[in-house]
Protein backbone atom coordinates (compact mmCIF):
# COMPACT_ATOMS: atom_id res chain seq x y z
CA MET A 1 -63.47 -5.80 -74.03
CA TRP A 2 -61.02 -9.61 -74.59
CA LEU A 3 -58.09 -6.97 -75.58
CA GLN A 4 -58.70 -4.97 -71.76
CA VAL A 5 -59.12 -8.89 -69.82
CA TRP A 6 -55.93 -10.01 -71.80
CA PHE A 7 -54.00 -6.42 -70.68
CA GLY A 8 -55.02 -6.87 -66.88
CA PHE A 9 -54.00 -10.12 -66.93
CA LEU A 10 -50.35 -9.47 -68.50
CA VAL A 11 -49.89 -6.77 -65.63
CA LEU A 12 -51.00 -9.58 -62.61
CA ILE A 13 -48.29 -11.50 -64.05
CA LEU A 14 -45.58 -8.57 -63.97
CA VAL A 15 -46.55 -7.67 -60.12
CA LEU A 16 -46.30 -11.49 -59.07
CA ASP A 17 -42.60 -11.58 -61.08
CA LEU A 18 -41.69 -8.13 -59.80
CA PHE A 19 -42.63 -9.58 -55.90
CA ASN A 20 -40.78 -12.66 -56.22
CA ILE A 21 -37.70 -11.32 -57.85
CA GLN A 22 -37.55 -8.77 -54.33
CA ALA A 23 -38.25 -11.70 -52.38
CA ILE A 24 -35.70 -13.95 -54.12
CA GLY A 25 -32.93 -11.51 -53.76
CA GLN A 26 -33.43 -11.21 -50.23
CA ILE A 27 -33.25 -14.62 -49.64
CA THR A 28 -30.32 -14.86 -51.69
CA GLU A 29 -28.73 -11.34 -49.45
CA LYS A 30 -29.51 -13.27 -46.73
CA ARG A 31 -27.59 -16.30 -47.63
CA VAL A 32 -24.27 -14.21 -48.65
CA LEU A 33 -24.44 -12.54 -45.66
CA HIS A 34 -24.38 -15.95 -43.17
CA SER A 35 -22.13 -17.43 -45.92
CA THR A 36 -19.41 -14.80 -44.95
CA THR A 37 -19.34 -15.47 -40.95
CA GLY A 38 -17.76 -18.60 -40.32
CA LEU A 39 -17.86 -20.56 -36.83
CA TRP A 40 -15.34 -21.52 -34.36
CA ALA A 41 -14.53 -24.88 -33.81
CA THR A 42 -13.64 -25.90 -30.11
CA TRP A 43 -10.36 -25.27 -28.69
CA GLY A 44 -7.45 -27.86 -29.49
CA PRO A 45 -4.92 -28.78 -26.47
CA TRP A 46 -2.30 -26.84 -24.92
CA LYS A 47 0.86 -27.49 -26.95
CA GLY A 48 4.15 -27.66 -24.87
CA CYS A 49 6.27 -25.04 -23.10
CA SER A 50 8.44 -22.67 -25.42
CA SER A 51 11.11 -23.02 -22.66
CA SER A 52 12.89 -26.65 -21.73
CA CYS A 53 13.47 -24.99 -18.27
CA GLY A 54 12.06 -21.66 -16.31
CA GLU A 55 9.47 -19.53 -17.97
CA GLY A 56 7.95 -20.21 -21.12
CA VAL A 57 4.19 -20.27 -23.13
CA THR A 58 2.28 -22.61 -24.81
CA LEU A 59 -0.06 -22.35 -27.21
CA ARG A 60 -3.39 -23.47 -28.61
CA THR A 61 -5.58 -22.81 -31.60
CA ARG A 62 -8.72 -23.40 -32.89
CA GLN A 63 -10.25 -23.86 -36.52
CA CYS A 64 -12.51 -21.41 -38.64
CA GLN A 65 -15.54 -23.71 -39.85
CA ARG A 66 -16.11 -21.74 -43.37
CA ASN A 67 -17.44 -23.31 -47.11
CA ASN A 68 -14.71 -20.98 -49.07
CA THR A 69 -11.68 -18.91 -48.90
CA GLN A 70 -13.62 -15.78 -48.52
CA VAL A 71 -15.31 -17.05 -45.65
CA THR A 72 -13.48 -15.26 -42.23
CA CYS A 73 -13.99 -15.95 -38.28
CA ALA A 74 -14.50 -12.87 -35.87
CA GLY A 75 -11.33 -13.17 -33.15
CA GLU A 76 -8.43 -14.93 -32.23
CA GLN A 77 -7.26 -18.19 -33.95
CA ARG A 78 -4.42 -18.44 -31.37
CA GLN A 79 -4.23 -18.45 -27.48
CA TYR A 80 -0.94 -17.80 -25.56
CA LYS A 81 -0.56 -18.39 -22.12
CA SER A 82 2.53 -18.95 -19.36
CA CYS A 83 3.53 -22.03 -18.24
CA GLN A 84 6.50 -22.91 -16.40
CA SER A 85 8.87 -26.46 -16.51
CA MET A 86 11.31 -27.29 -14.10
CA LEU A 87 13.56 -25.02 -12.40
CA CYS A 88 16.80 -23.71 -14.88
CA PRO A 89 20.32 -24.53 -13.12
CA ALA A 90 21.88 -21.82 -11.44
CA ASP A 91 24.21 -21.17 -14.38
CA SER A 92 21.94 -20.99 -16.97
CA VAL A 93 21.75 -18.26 -19.36
CA PRO A 94 18.50 -16.01 -20.01
CA PHE A 95 16.56 -16.41 -22.76
CA ARG A 96 16.96 -13.72 -24.47
CA ASN A 97 21.01 -13.82 -24.10
CA VAL A 98 20.90 -16.91 -25.87
CA GLN A 99 19.64 -15.12 -28.56
CA CYS A 100 21.91 -12.40 -28.67
CA ALA A 101 24.47 -14.78 -28.55
CA ILE A 102 23.48 -16.15 -31.82
CA TYR A 103 24.91 -13.59 -33.81
CA ASN A 104 28.60 -13.47 -32.13
CA ASN A 105 31.28 -13.75 -34.31
CA LYS A 106 28.75 -12.75 -37.17
CA PRO A 107 29.08 -9.74 -39.75
CA ILE A 108 25.87 -7.40 -39.21
CA PRO A 109 24.55 -6.07 -42.90
CA GLY A 110 26.04 -2.78 -44.03
CA SER A 111 29.19 -2.71 -41.62
CA SER A 112 32.49 -4.37 -42.44
CA ASN A 113 33.24 -7.48 -41.69
CA GLN A 114 34.27 -6.82 -37.90
CA ARG A 115 32.77 -9.35 -35.67
CA TYR A 116 30.67 -8.45 -32.13
CA HIS A 117 29.93 -10.06 -29.47
CA TRP A 118 26.06 -9.77 -27.87
CA VAL A 119 24.29 -8.88 -25.02
CA PRO A 120 20.74 -7.49 -24.12
CA PHE A 121 20.27 -4.11 -24.12
CA TYR A 122 17.04 -3.06 -22.66
CA GLU A 123 16.82 0.53 -22.98
CA ALA A 124 15.32 0.71 -26.69
CA SER A 125 11.61 2.21 -27.22
CA ILE A 126 10.24 -1.49 -28.65
CA PRO A 127 10.61 -4.35 -25.68
CA CYS A 128 9.87 -7.38 -27.83
CA ASP A 129 12.26 -6.27 -30.43
CA LEU A 130 15.75 -8.17 -30.02
CA ASN A 131 18.50 -5.39 -29.38
CA CYS A 132 21.76 -6.47 -28.66
CA LEU A 133 24.56 -3.84 -27.13
CA ALA A 134 27.96 -4.76 -28.73
CA THR A 135 30.16 -5.81 -25.66
CA GLY A 136 32.85 -2.74 -25.53
CA TYR A 137 31.27 -0.81 -28.02
CA ASN A 138 28.61 2.39 -27.25
CA PHE A 139 26.26 0.49 -30.14
CA TYR A 140 23.31 -1.60 -29.92
CA TYR A 141 21.73 -3.24 -32.87
CA SER A 142 18.13 -4.88 -33.28
CA PHE A 143 17.85 -8.54 -34.64
CA GLY A 144 14.46 -8.40 -35.37
CA ARG A 145 11.58 -9.52 -33.30
CA VAL A 146 12.43 -11.55 -30.32
CA LEU A 147 11.00 -15.33 -30.21
CA ASP A 148 7.45 -16.16 -28.47
CA GLY A 149 8.01 -16.69 -24.89
CA THR A 150 10.42 -13.99 -24.05
CA SER A 151 10.12 -11.52 -21.33
CA CYS A 152 9.68 -7.84 -22.28
CA GLY A 153 12.19 -7.40 -19.74
CA PRO A 154 14.08 -7.03 -15.77
CA GLY A 155 11.28 -7.01 -13.67
CA SER A 156 8.58 -6.70 -16.33
CA ASP A 157 5.43 -8.34 -15.93
CA GLY A 158 4.76 -8.61 -19.44
CA THR A 159 5.71 -11.60 -21.82
CA CYS A 160 7.21 -11.18 -25.89
CA ILE A 161 4.15 -13.12 -28.04
CA ASN A 162 4.39 -11.71 -32.20
CA GLY A 163 6.48 -8.56 -31.00
CA GLN A 164 3.87 -7.17 -28.67
CA CYS A 165 4.58 -7.14 -24.91
CA LEU A 166 1.42 -9.28 -23.10
CA THR A 167 0.31 -9.35 -19.54
CA THR A 168 -1.36 -12.19 -18.35
CA GLY A 169 -5.17 -12.12 -17.27
CA CYS A 170 -6.80 -13.05 -14.36
CA ASP A 171 -8.04 -16.17 -16.83
CA GLY A 172 -4.39 -17.27 -17.35
CA ILE A 173 -4.24 -15.94 -21.07
CA LEU A 174 -1.74 -13.63 -22.56
CA GLY A 175 -3.26 -10.16 -23.28
CA SER A 176 -6.86 -11.23 -22.76
CA GLY A 177 -7.49 -8.26 -20.35
CA VAL A 178 -9.45 -9.89 -17.79
CA ILE A 179 -8.60 -8.64 -14.61
CA ASN A 180 -10.26 -9.41 -10.92
CA ASP A 181 -13.31 -7.84 -9.90
CA LEU A 182 -13.29 -6.35 -5.95
CA CYS A 183 -14.98 -9.49 -4.91
CA GLY A 184 -11.47 -11.28 -6.04
CA ASN A 185 -13.63 -13.09 -8.79
CA CYS A 186 -12.01 -13.33 -12.13
CA GLY A 187 -13.40 -11.17 -14.57
CA GLY A 188 -16.86 -10.58 -12.16
CA GLN A 189 -18.87 -7.18 -11.75
CA ASN A 190 -18.55 -6.62 -8.05
CA ASP A 191 -21.97 -8.57 -7.08
CA SER A 192 -20.99 -11.50 -5.20
CA CYS A 193 -19.60 -9.24 -2.53
CA VAL A 194 -20.53 -5.75 0.08
CA HIS A 195 -18.72 -2.76 0.11
CA ILE A 196 -18.24 -1.82 4.07
CA LYS A 197 -17.51 1.79 4.48
CA ASP A 198 -17.77 4.35 7.68
CA VAL A 199 -16.17 6.70 9.78
CA PHE A 200 -15.64 6.57 13.76
CA ARG A 201 -16.19 9.55 15.66
CA LEU A 202 -16.00 9.22 18.99
CA PRO A 203 -14.55 11.88 21.21
CA TYR A 204 -11.41 12.46 23.02
CA PRO A 205 -11.85 11.18 26.22
CA SER A 206 -12.95 13.62 28.45
CA SER A 207 -10.88 12.21 31.65
CA GLY A 208 -7.69 12.31 30.12
CA ILE A 209 -6.86 8.73 30.70
CA PHE A 210 -4.84 7.25 28.26
CA ASP A 211 -5.96 3.66 26.69
CA TYR A 212 -6.53 1.89 23.92
CA LYS A 213 -10.16 2.29 22.35
CA ASN A 214 -11.87 -0.23 19.60
CA VAL A 215 -12.18 1.20 16.33
CA THR A 216 -13.47 -1.41 14.48
CA ARG A 217 -13.57 -4.87 13.95
CA ILE A 218 -12.49 -6.60 10.33
CA PRO A 219 -13.89 -9.79 9.61
CA ALA A 220 -11.88 -12.57 7.89
CA GLY A 221 -12.52 -12.37 4.51
CA ALA A 222 -12.09 -8.80 3.93
CA MET A 223 -10.61 -7.49 0.96
CA HIS A 224 -9.07 -4.12 -0.40
CA ILE A 225 -9.21 -2.80 3.40
CA LYS A 226 -8.44 0.73 3.98
CA VAL A 227 -8.37 2.90 6.67
CA MET A 228 -7.10 6.62 7.39
CA ASP A 229 -6.49 8.72 10.37
CA ARG A 230 -5.68 12.70 9.91
CA SER A 231 -4.29 13.33 13.42
CA ARG A 232 -1.93 12.90 15.98
CA ASN A 233 -3.49 9.73 17.55
CA ILE A 234 -2.33 6.70 16.84
CA LEU A 235 -4.12 3.42 14.88
CA ALA A 236 -3.56 0.11 16.06
CA LEU A 237 -3.82 -3.44 14.59
CA MET A 238 -4.16 -7.14 16.86
CA SER A 239 -5.45 -9.98 15.90
CA LEU A 240 -6.60 -12.93 17.91
CA SER A 241 -4.16 -15.38 17.24
CA ARG A 242 -1.24 -12.85 17.57
CA GLY A 243 -1.96 -10.12 19.69
CA TYR A 244 -0.73 -6.70 18.53
CA VAL A 245 0.62 -6.14 15.03
CA ILE A 246 1.30 -2.57 14.89
CA ASN A 247 1.58 0.26 17.28
CA GLY A 248 0.92 -2.12 20.24
CA ASN A 249 1.80 -2.27 23.96
CA TRP A 250 2.69 2.21 23.96
CA VAL A 251 5.41 0.96 21.53
CA ILE A 252 5.61 3.05 18.01
CA SER A 253 5.76 0.84 15.25
CA ARG A 254 7.91 1.59 11.94
CA SER A 255 6.38 2.64 8.58
CA GLY A 256 6.40 -0.87 6.32
CA THR A 257 4.78 -4.09 5.72
CA TYR A 258 3.33 -6.33 8.58
CA LYS A 259 2.31 -10.21 7.87
CA VAL A 260 -0.47 -11.30 9.31
CA ALA A 261 -4.15 -12.97 9.13
CA GLY A 262 -2.70 -14.51 5.78
CA THR A 263 -2.74 -10.99 4.34
CA GLU A 264 0.35 -8.13 4.14
CA VAL A 265 -0.59 -5.04 5.96
CA ARG A 266 1.53 -1.52 4.68
CA TYR A 267 1.55 1.04 7.30
CA SER A 268 2.74 4.57 6.95
CA ARG A 269 2.79 7.17 9.42
CA ALA A 270 4.31 9.71 6.52
CA THR A 271 3.69 12.94 9.04
CA ALA A 272 2.84 13.63 12.34
CA SER A 273 -0.99 13.86 11.27
CA HIS A 274 -1.36 11.31 8.48
CA GLU A 275 -1.48 7.62 9.23
CA TYR A 276 -3.16 4.91 6.87
CA LEU A 277 -3.26 1.11 7.09
CA GLU A 278 -3.76 -0.74 3.90
CA ALA A 279 -3.74 -4.60 3.06
CA ALA A 280 -5.32 -6.61 -0.15
CA GLY A 281 -6.46 -9.79 2.17
CA PRO A 282 -8.51 -11.60 1.85
CA THR A 283 -7.79 -12.24 5.89
CA ASP A 284 -8.30 -15.25 7.00
CA GLU A 285 -8.81 -14.32 10.49
CA ASP A 286 -10.43 -11.27 12.30
CA LEU A 287 -8.50 -8.69 12.49
CA TYR A 288 -9.31 -5.15 15.33
CA VAL A 289 -8.12 -1.38 14.46
CA LEU A 290 -7.79 0.55 18.14
CA VAL A 291 -6.96 3.89 18.46
CA LEU A 292 -4.66 5.47 21.05
CA PHE A 293 -5.66 9.15 21.78
CA GLN A 294 -3.43 12.39 21.94
CA GLU A 295 -6.43 14.48 20.58
CA GLN A 296 -9.53 15.32 19.67
CA ASN A 297 -10.67 12.70 16.68
CA PRO A 298 -11.64 14.18 13.71
CA GLY A 299 -12.82 10.78 12.65
CA ILE A 300 -11.22 7.56 11.37
CA GLU A 301 -12.15 6.51 8.12
CA TYR A 302 -11.97 2.55 7.11
CA GLU A 303 -13.75 0.80 4.42
CA TYR A 304 -13.16 -2.80 2.86
CA TRP A 305 -14.99 -5.36 0.72
CA LEU A 306 -16.74 -8.68 2.25
CA PRO A 307 -18.23 -11.44 0.76
CA LYS A 308 -21.82 -11.08 0.89
CA ASP A 309 -22.28 -14.84 2.66
CA THR A 310 -19.89 -13.50 5.19
CA TYR A 311 -21.78 -10.19 5.32
CA TYR A 312 -24.96 -11.65 6.29
CA ASN A 313 -23.41 -14.06 8.89
CA MET A 314 -21.94 -11.15 10.11
CA ARG A 315 -25.42 -9.01 10.48
CA THR A 316 -27.53 -12.08 11.79
CA ASP A 317 -24.74 -13.33 14.64
CA SER A 318 -23.64 -9.49 15.35
CA GLN A 319 -23.89 -10.43 19.32
CA THR A 320 -21.10 -12.90 18.58
CA ALA A 321 -19.24 -10.10 17.42
CA ARG A 322 -19.55 -7.36 20.22
CA GLN A 323 -18.38 -10.71 22.59
CA ALA A 324 -15.12 -11.07 20.48
CA VAL A 325 -14.51 -7.26 20.23
CA ASN A 326 -15.10 -6.96 24.11
CA PHE A 327 -12.70 -10.61 24.42
CA VAL A 328 -10.25 -8.36 22.81
CA LEU A 329 -10.66 -4.66 24.49
CA GLU A 330 -10.07 -7.19 27.85
CA ALA A 331 -7.60 -9.84 27.24
CA ARG A 332 -5.11 -8.03 24.70
CA VAL A 333 -5.68 -4.23 24.64
CA ARG A 334 -6.31 -3.50 28.71
CA THR A 335 -3.39 -1.35 29.90
CA PRO A 336 -2.91 0.30 33.37
CA THR A 337 -3.78 4.17 33.47
CA PHE A 338 -1.56 6.07 34.54
CA ALA A 339 -3.13 5.98 37.96
CA SER A 340 -2.60 2.63 38.69
CA VAL A 341 1.02 2.73 37.09
CA GLU A 342 1.85 5.51 39.58
CA GLU A 343 0.31 2.95 42.39
CA LYS A 344 3.07 0.21 40.82
CA ARG A 345 5.67 2.51 40.44
CA PRO A 346 9.19 2.21 41.93
CA GLU A 347 9.86 4.69 44.72
CA ASN A 348 12.30 5.91 43.23
CA ASN A 349 10.34 6.85 40.13
CA GLN A 350 10.29 10.90 39.95
CA PHE A 351 8.28 11.29 36.41
CA TYR A 352 4.77 11.02 38.65
CA ASP A 353 4.60 13.45 40.86
CA ASN A 354 1.12 14.49 42.62
CA THR A 355 3.06 16.65 45.62
CA ASP A 356 0.92 19.73 46.09
CA CYS A 357 2.00 22.66 44.13
CA GLN A 358 5.00 24.39 45.17
CA LYS A 359 7.36 27.27 43.81
CA CYS A 360 9.02 26.39 40.65
CA LEU A 361 13.11 25.96 40.43
CA GLN A 362 14.80 28.93 38.82
CA PHE A 363 18.59 27.77 37.15
CA LYS A 364 20.99 30.59 37.08
CA GLY A 365 24.87 30.23 36.44
CA ARG A 366 27.03 29.18 33.94
CA SER A 367 27.99 25.05 36.10
CA GLN A 368 24.34 24.98 36.40
CA ARG A 369 23.45 25.30 32.22
CA ARG A 370 26.99 23.44 31.71
CA LYS A 371 25.64 20.83 33.80
CA HIS A 372 22.12 20.17 32.28
CA TYR A 373 23.26 20.18 28.69
CA CYS A 374 25.60 18.08 28.61
CA GLN A 375 23.46 15.49 30.65
CA SER A 376 19.95 15.94 28.63
CA ASP A 377 18.94 13.91 26.43
CA PHE A 378 18.01 16.80 24.25
CA VAL A 379 18.45 20.94 23.74
CA ILE A 380 15.65 22.06 21.63
CA ARG A 381 14.25 25.46 20.99
CA GLY A 382 10.87 25.43 20.97
CA LYS A 383 8.21 27.09 20.70
CA VAL A 384 4.56 26.46 22.71
CA LEU A 385 1.08 26.58 20.77
CA SER A 386 -1.14 25.30 23.77
CA GLN A 387 -1.26 23.28 27.27
CA LYS A 388 -3.76 20.71 28.76
CA ILE A 389 -4.10 19.36 31.61
CA ILE A 390 -4.69 15.70 31.41
CA GLY A 391 -5.13 13.94 34.28
CA GLN A 392 -2.01 14.45 36.73
CA GLU A 393 0.19 15.78 34.00
CA THR A 394 0.53 18.78 31.84
CA ARG A 395 0.76 18.24 28.15
CA TYR A 396 2.50 21.30 26.28
CA ASP A 397 2.27 21.02 22.53
CA ILE A 398 5.89 22.31 21.51
CA HIS A 399 7.10 23.52 17.67
CA ILE A 400 10.58 22.62 17.32
CA GLU A 401 12.06 25.93 16.07
CA HIS A 402 15.69 24.05 16.26
CA VAL A 403 17.63 21.46 17.86
CA TYR A 404 21.46 21.70 19.65
CA LYS A 405 21.16 18.51 20.66
CA SER A 406 19.52 15.13 20.43
CA LYS A 407 19.92 11.84 21.18
CA PHE A 408 16.88 10.51 20.06
CA PRO A 409 14.86 11.05 16.67
CA LEU A 410 12.31 14.31 16.64
CA VAL A 411 9.60 15.04 14.75
CA GLN A 412 8.94 19.05 13.66
CA ARG A 413 6.06 19.17 16.18
CA GLU A 414 6.10 17.18 19.41
CA TYR A 415 4.03 16.40 23.07
CA ILE A 416 6.39 17.56 25.99
CA TRP A 417 4.24 16.13 29.19
CA ALA A 418 5.27 18.30 33.01
CA SER A 419 4.82 15.74 35.85
CA ASN A 420 2.55 17.63 37.54
CA LYS A 421 -0.27 19.87 36.73
CA CYS A 422 0.97 23.12 38.51
CA ASP A 423 2.91 24.50 35.76
CA CYS A 424 5.87 23.64 36.28
CA PRO A 425 8.67 24.95 34.93
CA LYS A 426 6.37 28.16 33.87
CA LEU A 427 5.50 28.22 30.32
CA GLN A 428 3.70 30.20 28.24
CA ASP A 429 1.78 29.78 24.91
CA HIS A 430 3.08 31.42 21.69
CA LYS A 431 6.56 31.77 23.41
CA GLU A 432 9.84 30.48 23.38
CA TYR A 433 12.46 28.91 25.25
CA ILE A 434 15.21 26.69 25.62
CA LEU A 435 14.28 23.45 27.07
CA MET A 436 16.46 20.25 28.17
CA PRO A 437 13.88 17.43 28.50
CA SER A 438 14.96 13.91 28.99
CA ARG A 439 13.46 10.91 27.43
CA HIS A 440 11.23 8.98 29.71
CA MET A 441 10.44 5.21 29.70
CA ASN A 442 7.61 4.25 32.25
CA TYR A 443 8.42 1.22 34.85
CA GLU A 444 7.03 -1.38 32.05
CA ARG A 445 9.45 -0.06 29.33
CA THR A 446 6.27 0.52 27.11
CA LEU A 447 5.55 3.99 26.83
CA ASN A 448 7.98 6.48 25.47
CA ARG A 449 7.94 10.00 26.03
CA ILE A 450 9.81 13.80 26.35
CA MET A 451 9.04 14.60 30.15
CA LEU A 452 9.74 17.81 31.69
CA THR A 453 10.61 17.33 35.74
CA ASN A 454 10.70 20.07 38.49
CA ASN A 455 14.39 19.18 37.97
CA THR A 456 14.38 20.15 33.75
CA TYR A 457 16.56 23.56 32.76
CA VAL A 458 13.79 25.91 31.40
CA ARG A 459 14.78 29.59 29.97
CA ARG A 460 12.90 31.86 27.56
CA TRP A 461 15.55 31.78 24.57
CA SER A 462 17.23 35.22 23.72
CA GLN A 463 19.97 35.77 21.36
CA HIS A 464 22.06 35.29 24.57
CA GLU A 465 20.48 32.44 25.47
CA ASP A 466 21.31 30.57 21.90
CA TYR A 467 24.78 32.07 21.93
CA GLN A 468 25.56 29.90 25.30
CA MET A 469 23.91 26.74 23.92
CA GLU A 470 26.14 27.00 20.84
CA GLN A 471 29.23 27.07 23.19
CA LEU A 472 28.30 24.56 25.31
CA ASN A 473 27.59 22.26 21.90
CA ARG A 474 31.33 22.39 21.59
CA TRP A 475 32.36 22.15 25.10
CA CYS A 476 30.49 19.60 25.74
CA ARG A 477 31.67 17.75 23.18
CA ARG A 478 35.87 18.17 23.74
CA SER A 479 35.14 16.93 27.62
CA SER A 480 33.49 13.70 26.65
């Protein structure tokens, strides 16, 4: 009996010992795991600038707090950011050139005692190596890495640090990779602004009266603005402070960059049916997008990002927004229709003819052909794709097959206008003609169009007519 009790007591002690050993082992393991990961101290101050003038880099460090040498800290011990001291003199030598010049008149390993003068070589594969070209020779040599703070190359945004080409994040730290979100916040998550995206679908006016129509108001503070049109209609842009900026007053602007509302707007009309506006923003005043119709509207797409506060204020103050749009349309956009132009035109303006339709003129004979050819702004062979009565005029959609003569630029497809609705001169759809139209500027010199009048030379195209045009082209050049 005592033997059994004694044996049970021993078993109990062994079980307790095993439990304690496991518990102690777990505690020891946790302590070991904890002790292998150190903690970073706070960052120290930024230390100077690597360059005495111009662009350079500055450095700051932090210490890993640890109990022994086996302990490590996760992350970088050093951080670099760009710095700029005073401006360098105009005749100063670039930093990479200075580093190459150190090796002037010194032998290079593995070569004879010949000496060279060195200048930077930028076409090597590793931009942060000190690659130098021997002046007067067709070889370069790599002298190792460039010094920290050296530019990665001409036109590059990168800076060499420890042999790596690093770009500056929006936090100012080289190589951080932190960027601005679409709301303009460094390292943000696009949650402080609202994405506005819509399509303007107002149809082509059935009355045929030309005028600018409002598309949308883009409020101040907008970013990442995009407006796109896929038609022959013409986009226009304006602000209250400057009025028209792009394609205003019936004058087509060139593709390019325009400064307005505190930002740069990039405008492109790459083809007759593809047009867009883009701006990074943010804008410091409202912008207004308008359209000048020439054909049916397939839809004008626009989008931008707006800070939430501005967006909510805009929604609650929609009446003010509508008044602002109306003010723009009345004060800046309103232009005379063709009817009002007709009332004010000079007496010798022959382009707006509302008289009753009469018999169309027919031109015959070499002298008539020669006279019109030499005096016309354009001589073209064109195919009529379609025609449409708009107001008191006829608009022909012409595909230009060949240009014999042109005083002004033409695109492959043009609208050519007849100053009446009598189909005079008579042009049939899907037929080819020799046309000698003129460039027309209205009395205000704001509307630029190609016009046919009752006195315009028009003939059906033929091989014989084509031959005559080529002969006249040479004759007019000789006589001039």
